Amino acid sequence: MRKLRLLFVALTSVFVCGPLLAQSAHQPRIIDGHIHYNGDPVFLQKLLAKLESVDGMAFLLVPPSDMGTAVPFIHAHPDRLVGFAEIDMDSAHAIENIDVAHEAGFRGIGELEYVQHNYDDPIYFPIYKRAEKYHMIALFHTGIVNREHPNVPTNVSVERMRATRLDLIARMFPKLTVIGAHLGNPDYAWAAEIARWNPNLYFDLSGSSLIKKQDDYAFFKSIFWWSGVVSPHTPKSSHSAFERLVFGSDVFGGDLPEFDRELKRYHEMLDACDVPKQAQENIFSGTLWHILQQQKEAGGSN
């Protein structure tokens, strides 16, 4: 852990003197809030080429072991990449790692997952408080999770990572922007309902859901049902209910073609649900761009 901190500090001293503040005022056409770095520098070059081809930006989720190659690349391309630090929530150094990530110019933490306690257990509150201090974005895995090694005992429970666990976090830390990956698959209704009442909570629909529901995309109209509803039982808003969604591809393992596949699924689902053009633009870029601008104004980046 000491070596990791020294690496962060060394990188910070070289790169933190300006590149992140030089982020363009140009809003990209697409912001992907969920791409995993696989540790291969070749992937970074391919990702950059993809983002440039679509006028895109990505939140790049970086494990501690891959900071050495990721941090310089992120700093070199602030108009295309936003750094997110993957941290171990159960590490005794979790808060220190958030401090170091902030020093290195990272704008968020995540994807948070595989926790030993429920996300909303008070044991994790100091972590959220520190991230909130820096106006960071916290990306959580929600819902079903894979099991890559079924013959190996693992202390992993989807119950700890349910979408409903984010409700208390969003309420207790109102200046923390929370994104739940995968819309709580399969707890879609619960995920949407807690996002309806928490203005600092969003979800992406990456993963298997848009594959599973590809023959019934209109289903999501029943999940995001409150567009245009005037009632004391739902917050007043002129926005489409679907704008509680943001785009995320969940590219991992270097499978960059998943970006295009997931982008296509999103478009097909939103079109099938008659989501207005302006709302779609916010889902694909506007919402996350607005959050990033608010974060900069609040001093959340170096």
Protein backbone atom coordinates (compact mmCIF):
# COMPACT_ATOMS: atom_id res chain seq x y z
CA MET A 1 0.00 0.00 0.00
CA ARG A 2 2.89 2.35 0.77
CA LYS A 3 4.31 1.69 -2.70
CA LEU A 4 0.92 2.43 -4.26
CA ARG A 5 0.70 5.78 -2.48
CA LEU A 6 4.21 6.71 -3.57
CA LEU A 7 3.29 5.86 -7.16
CA PHE A 8 0.20 8.08 -6.97
CA VAL A 9 2.16 10.95 -5.47
CA ALA A 10 4.91 10.68 -8.08
CA LEU A 11 2.41 10.72 -10.88
CA THR A 12 0.50 13.57 -9.30
CA SER A 13 3.60 15.73 -8.98
CA VAL A 14 4.27 15.36 -12.68
CA PHE A 15 0.79 15.65 -14.13
CA VAL A 16 -1.44 17.55 -11.77
CA CYS A 17 -0.18 21.02 -12.64
CA GLY A 18 -2.78 21.80 -15.26
CA PRO A 19 -4.08 19.19 -17.72
CA LEU A 20 -7.33 18.41 -15.91
CA LEU A 21 -8.21 22.05 -15.57
CA ALA A 22 -7.69 22.36 -19.32
CA GLN A 23 -10.75 20.25 -20.03
CA SER A 24 -12.56 21.69 -23.03
CA ALA A 25 -15.84 23.56 -22.69
CA HIS A 26 -17.07 21.44 -25.57
CA GLN A 27 -19.72 18.94 -24.50
CA PRO A 28 -19.03 15.57 -26.13
CA ARG A 29 -21.82 13.84 -27.99
CA ILE A 30 -21.49 10.68 -25.86
CA ILE A 31 -20.24 10.18 -22.32
CA ASP A 32 -19.77 6.56 -21.32
CA GLY A 33 -19.89 6.43 -17.54
CA HIS A 34 -18.66 2.86 -17.20
CA ILE A 35 -15.53 1.51 -18.93
CA HIS A 36 -13.05 -0.76 -17.16
CA TYR A 37 -9.34 -0.48 -17.87
CA ASN A 38 -7.82 -3.92 -18.39
CA GLY A 39 -4.23 -2.84 -17.79
CA ASP A 40 -3.20 -3.01 -21.45
CA PRO A 41 -1.83 0.30 -22.81
CA VAL A 42 -2.84 -0.83 -26.30
CA PHE A 43 -6.46 -0.79 -25.10
CA LEU A 44 -6.06 2.84 -24.09
CA GLN A 45 -5.01 3.78 -27.61
CA LYS A 46 -7.93 1.86 -29.10
CA LEU A 47 -10.34 3.45 -26.64
CA LEU A 48 -9.04 6.91 -27.47
CA ALA A 49 -9.52 6.26 -31.19
CA LYS A 50 -13.08 5.06 -30.57
CA LEU A 51 -13.94 8.09 -28.46
CA GLU A 52 -12.51 10.48 -31.01
CA SER A 53 -14.50 8.80 -33.76
CA VAL A 54 -17.80 9.36 -31.96
CA ASP A 55 -16.92 12.63 -30.20
CA GLY A 56 -17.05 10.78 -26.89
CA MET A 57 -15.73 10.82 -23.36
CA ALA A 58 -15.42 7.92 -20.93
CA PHE A 59 -15.22 7.42 -17.21
CA LEU A 60 -12.26 5.04 -17.04
CA LEU A 61 -12.36 2.73 -14.02
CA VAL A 62 -8.80 1.98 -12.98
CA PRO A 63 -7.60 -0.71 -10.54
CA PRO A 64 -4.73 0.28 -8.23
CA SER A 65 -2.32 -2.06 -10.03
CA ASP A 66 -2.82 -0.23 -13.33
CA MET A 67 -2.42 3.36 -12.20
CA GLY A 68 1.09 3.55 -13.64
CA THR A 69 -0.10 3.39 -17.23
CA ALA A 70 -3.56 4.90 -16.79
CA VAL A 71 -2.84 8.14 -14.95
CA PRO A 72 -0.44 9.67 -17.50
CA PHE A 73 -2.79 8.73 -20.34
CA ILE A 74 -5.82 10.23 -18.62
CA HIS A 75 -3.94 13.45 -17.93
CA ALA A 76 -2.78 13.60 -21.53
CA HIS A 77 -6.36 13.34 -22.82
CA PRO A 78 -8.63 15.27 -20.42
CA ASP A 79 -11.22 15.91 -23.14
CA ARG A 80 -11.73 12.18 -23.64
CA LEU A 81 -11.05 10.46 -20.32
CA VAL A 82 -12.14 10.97 -16.73
CA GLY A 83 -10.38 8.90 -14.09
CA PHE A 84 -12.24 6.77 -11.56
CA ALA A 85 -10.31 4.89 -8.90
CA GLU A 86 -11.38 1.37 -8.06
CA ILE A 87 -10.99 1.06 -4.31
CA ASP A 88 -11.45 -1.80 -1.89
CA MET A 89 -14.21 -0.61 0.43
CA ASP A 90 -13.09 -3.02 3.13
CA SER A 91 -9.45 -1.98 3.11
CA ALA A 92 -8.11 -0.18 6.14
CA HIS A 93 -6.60 2.27 3.62
CA ALA A 94 -9.83 3.03 1.73
CA ILE A 95 -10.09 6.66 2.85
CA GLU A 96 -6.39 7.26 2.26
CA ASN A 97 -6.79 5.82 -1.23
CA ILE A 98 -9.60 8.29 -1.96
CA ASP A 99 -7.32 11.13 -0.84
CA VAL A 100 -4.58 9.89 -3.14
CA ALA A 101 -6.98 9.43 -6.05
CA HIS A 102 -8.18 12.99 -5.59
CA GLU A 103 -4.61 14.23 -5.52
CA ALA A 104 -4.03 12.43 -8.80
CA GLY A 105 -6.96 14.27 -10.37
CA PHE A 106 -9.49 11.46 -10.36
CA ARG A 107 -13.11 12.60 -10.46
CA GLY A 108 -14.78 9.53 -8.99
CA ILE A 109 -14.51 6.15 -7.30
CA GLY A 110 -15.80 2.85 -8.58
CA GLU A 111 -16.98 0.47 -9.66
CA LEU A 112 -17.57 -0.31 -5.99
CA GLU A 113 -18.50 -3.96 -5.46
CA TYR A 114 -17.77 -7.25 -3.65
CA VAL A 115 -18.26 -5.65 -0.25
CA GLN A 116 -18.23 -7.53 3.04
CA HIS A 117 -21.12 -5.51 4.47
CA ASN A 118 -24.22 -3.94 2.97
CA TYR A 119 -23.45 -0.81 0.96
CA ASP A 120 -25.53 1.26 3.38
CA ASP A 121 -23.88 -0.10 6.52
CA PRO A 122 -22.60 2.85 8.59
CA ILE A 123 -19.17 1.21 8.56
CA TYR A 124 -18.78 2.66 5.05
CA PHE A 125 -20.08 6.16 5.86
CA PRO A 126 -16.58 7.65 6.37
CA ILE A 127 -15.74 6.54 2.82
CA TYR A 128 -18.79 8.27 1.39
CA LYS A 129 -18.17 11.35 3.49
CA ARG A 130 -14.63 11.66 2.13
CA ALA A 131 -15.79 11.20 -1.46
CA GLU A 132 -18.51 13.80 -0.86
CA LYS A 133 -15.90 16.22 0.48
CA TYR A 134 -14.19 16.09 -2.91
CA HIS A 135 -17.50 16.30 -4.82
CA MET A 136 -16.69 12.95 -6.35
CA ILE A 137 -18.98 10.62 -8.25
CA ALA A 138 -19.43 7.14 -6.77
CA LEU A 139 -20.27 4.29 -9.14
CA PHE A 140 -21.71 1.19 -7.46
CA HIS A 141 -22.38 -2.24 -8.88
CA THR A 142 -26.01 -3.14 -8.19
CA GLY A 143 -27.89 -6.39 -8.65
CA ILE A 144 -26.78 -9.77 -9.83
CA VAL A 145 -23.04 -10.30 -10.12
CA ASN A 146 -21.00 -12.85 -12.07
CA ARG A 147 -19.25 -15.86 -10.58
CA GLU A 148 -16.08 -16.48 -12.54
CA HIS A 149 -14.69 -19.30 -10.39
CA PRO A 150 -17.63 -21.42 -9.17
CA ASN A 151 -15.36 -24.02 -7.54
CA VAL A 152 -13.69 -21.46 -5.31
CA PRO A 153 -15.49 -20.34 -2.10
CA THR A 154 -16.10 -16.59 -2.18
CA ASN A 155 -17.62 -14.25 0.38
CA VAL A 156 -19.79 -12.41 -2.18
CA SER A 157 -23.50 -11.68 -1.81
CA VAL A 158 -25.79 -9.79 -4.16
CA GLU A 159 -27.93 -8.95 -1.14
CA ARG A 160 -25.24 -6.55 0.02
CA MET A 161 -25.27 -4.82 -3.37
CA ARG A 162 -29.00 -4.34 -3.98
CA ALA A 163 -30.07 -1.08 -5.60
CA THR A 164 -32.15 -0.22 -2.54
CA ARG A 165 -28.92 0.06 -0.53
CA LEU A 166 -28.19 3.29 -2.42
CA ASP A 167 -31.27 5.07 -1.08
CA LEU A 168 -29.83 5.76 2.36
CA ILE A 169 -26.45 6.71 0.89
CA ALA A 170 -28.02 9.26 -1.46
CA ARG A 171 -30.06 10.75 1.39
CA MET A 172 -27.22 10.86 3.92
CA PHE A 173 -24.71 12.35 1.49
CA PRO A 174 -26.69 14.80 -0.66
CA LYS A 175 -23.58 16.34 -2.26
CA LEU A 176 -22.31 12.96 -3.42
CA THR A 177 -23.38 11.99 -6.93
CA VAL A 178 -24.29 8.30 -6.91
CA ILE A 179 -24.58 6.10 -9.98
CA GLY A 180 -25.86 2.53 -9.71
CA ALA A 181 -24.68 0.27 -12.48
CA HIS A 182 -27.08 -2.15 -14.19
CA LEU A 183 -30.32 -0.59 -12.84
CA GLY A 184 -30.28 -3.11 -9.99
CA ASN A 185 -30.82 -6.07 -12.33
CA PRO A 186 -33.39 -7.54 -11.78
CA ASP A 187 -34.79 -5.01 -9.26
CA TYR A 188 -35.55 -2.45 -11.96
CA ALA A 189 -38.66 -1.03 -10.35
CA TRP A 190 -36.97 -0.45 -7.01
CA ALA A 191 -33.98 1.17 -8.70
CA ALA A 192 -36.15 3.59 -10.67
CA GLU A 193 -38.31 4.46 -7.68
CA ILE A 194 -35.42 5.44 -5.43
CA ALA A 195 -33.89 7.45 -8.30
CA ARG A 196 -37.25 9.19 -8.70
CA TRP A 197 -36.95 10.69 -5.20
CA ASN A 198 -33.18 11.17 -4.98
CA PRO A 199 -31.93 13.92 -7.31
CA ASN A 200 -28.30 12.89 -6.76
CA LEU A 201 -28.91 9.26 -7.79
CA TYR A 202 -28.74 7.85 -11.32
CA PHE A 203 -28.44 4.42 -12.90
CA ASP A 204 -26.95 2.95 -16.03
CA LEU A 205 -28.49 0.02 -17.91
CA SER A 206 -25.30 -1.76 -18.84
CA GLY A 207 -24.90 -5.51 -18.53
CA SER A 208 -27.38 -8.20 -19.49
CA SER A 209 -30.68 -6.35 -19.05
CA LEU A 210 -30.97 -4.90 -22.55
CA ILE A 211 -30.16 -8.34 -23.94
CA LYS A 212 -32.70 -10.04 -21.70
CA LYS A 213 -35.41 -7.50 -22.51
CA GLN A 214 -34.63 -7.03 -26.21
CA ASP A 215 -38.01 -8.41 -27.29
CA ASP A 216 -39.90 -6.21 -24.86
CA TYR A 217 -38.16 -2.86 -24.60
CA ALA A 218 -41.50 -1.13 -23.99
CA PHE A 219 -41.35 -2.83 -20.59
CA PHE A 220 -39.21 0.06 -19.38
CA LYS A 221 -42.15 2.46 -19.78
CA SER A 222 -43.66 0.78 -16.73
CA ILE A 223 -40.41 1.33 -14.81
CA PHE A 224 -39.95 5.00 -15.73
CA TRP A 225 -43.64 5.83 -15.56
CA TRP A 226 -43.87 9.34 -14.11
CA SER A 227 -43.04 11.54 -17.12
CA GLY A 228 -45.50 14.43 -17.19
CA VAL A 229 -47.37 13.21 -14.10
CA VAL A 230 -48.61 16.04 -11.89
CA SER A 231 -49.16 14.71 -8.40
CA PRO A 232 -48.08 15.34 -4.81
CA HIS A 233 -46.90 11.73 -4.87
CA THR A 234 -44.01 12.36 -7.24
CA PRO A 235 -41.41 15.15 -7.44
CA LYS A 236 -42.23 18.08 -9.70
CA SER A 237 -40.16 17.85 -12.86
CA SER A 238 -40.39 18.81 -16.51
CA HIS A 239 -37.89 16.11 -17.44
CA SER A 240 -38.55 12.67 -18.81
CA ALA A 241 -38.47 9.99 -16.13
CA PHE A 242 -35.92 8.17 -18.31
CA GLU A 243 -33.43 10.90 -17.50
CA ARG A 244 -32.65 9.08 -14.29
CA LEU A 245 -30.60 6.92 -16.66
CA VAL A 246 -27.13 7.69 -17.97
CA PHE A 247 -25.19 5.80 -20.61
CA GLY A 248 -22.74 3.11 -19.56
CA SER A 249 -21.33 0.30 -21.68
CA ASP A 250 -19.53 -1.74 -18.98
CA VAL A 251 -16.71 -2.57 -21.38
CA PHE A 252 -14.33 -4.89 -19.54
CA GLY A 253 -11.57 -7.31 -20.42
CA GLY A 254 -10.65 -5.16 -23.39
CA ASP A 255 -13.89 -5.98 -25.23
CA LEU A 256 -14.24 -2.56 -26.84
CA PRO A 257 -16.85 -3.74 -29.42
CA GLU A 258 -19.27 -3.91 -26.48
CA PHE A 259 -19.33 -0.11 -26.57
CA ASP A 260 -21.06 -0.17 -29.97
CA ARG A 261 -23.33 -3.05 -29.03
CA GLU A 262 -24.53 -1.35 -25.87
CA LEU A 263 -24.94 1.99 -27.60
CA LYS A 264 -27.19 0.30 -30.16
CA ARG A 265 -29.25 -1.39 -27.42
CA TYR A 266 -29.74 1.90 -25.58
CA HIS A 267 -30.94 3.63 -28.74
CA GLU A 268 -33.33 0.81 -29.59
CA MET A 269 -34.80 0.74 -26.08
CA LEU A 270 -35.21 4.51 -25.84
CA ASP A 271 -36.79 4.69 -29.29
CA ALA A 272 -39.15 1.82 -28.44
CA CYS A 273 -40.21 3.78 -25.36
CA ASP A 274 -40.73 7.01 -27.34
CA VAL A 275 -38.22 8.89 -25.23
CA PRO A 276 -37.94 12.47 -26.57
CA LYS A 277 -34.81 13.58 -28.43
CA GLN A 278 -33.73 16.07 -25.77
CA ALA A 279 -34.08 13.46 -23.05
CA GLN A 280 -32.00 11.02 -25.07
CA GLU A 281 -29.31 13.64 -25.52
CA ASN A 282 -29.19 14.09 -21.75
CA ILE A 283 -29.00 10.34 -21.18
CA PHE A 284 -26.11 9.96 -23.62
CA SER A 285 -24.18 13.05 -22.57
CA GLY A 286 -25.98 16.03 -21.06
CA THR A 287 -26.57 14.75 -17.56
CA LEU A 288 -23.03 13.55 -16.90
CA TRP A 289 -21.59 16.66 -18.55
CA HIS A 290 -23.66 18.86 -16.25
CA ILE A 291 -22.46 16.87 -13.23
CA LEU A 292 -18.82 17.26 -14.31
CA GLN A 293 -19.25 21.01 -14.73
CA GLN A 294 -20.86 21.32 -11.31
CA GLN A 295 -18.03 19.28 -9.87
CA LYS A 296 -15.41 21.61 -11.35
CA GLU A 297 -17.24 24.70 -10.11
CA ALA A 298 -17.35 23.20 -6.62
CA GLY A 299 -13.61 22.57 -6.70
CA GLY A 300 -13.93 18.81 -7.07
CA SER A 301 -10.99 18.46 -9.47
CA ASN A 302 -7.40 19.47 -9.09
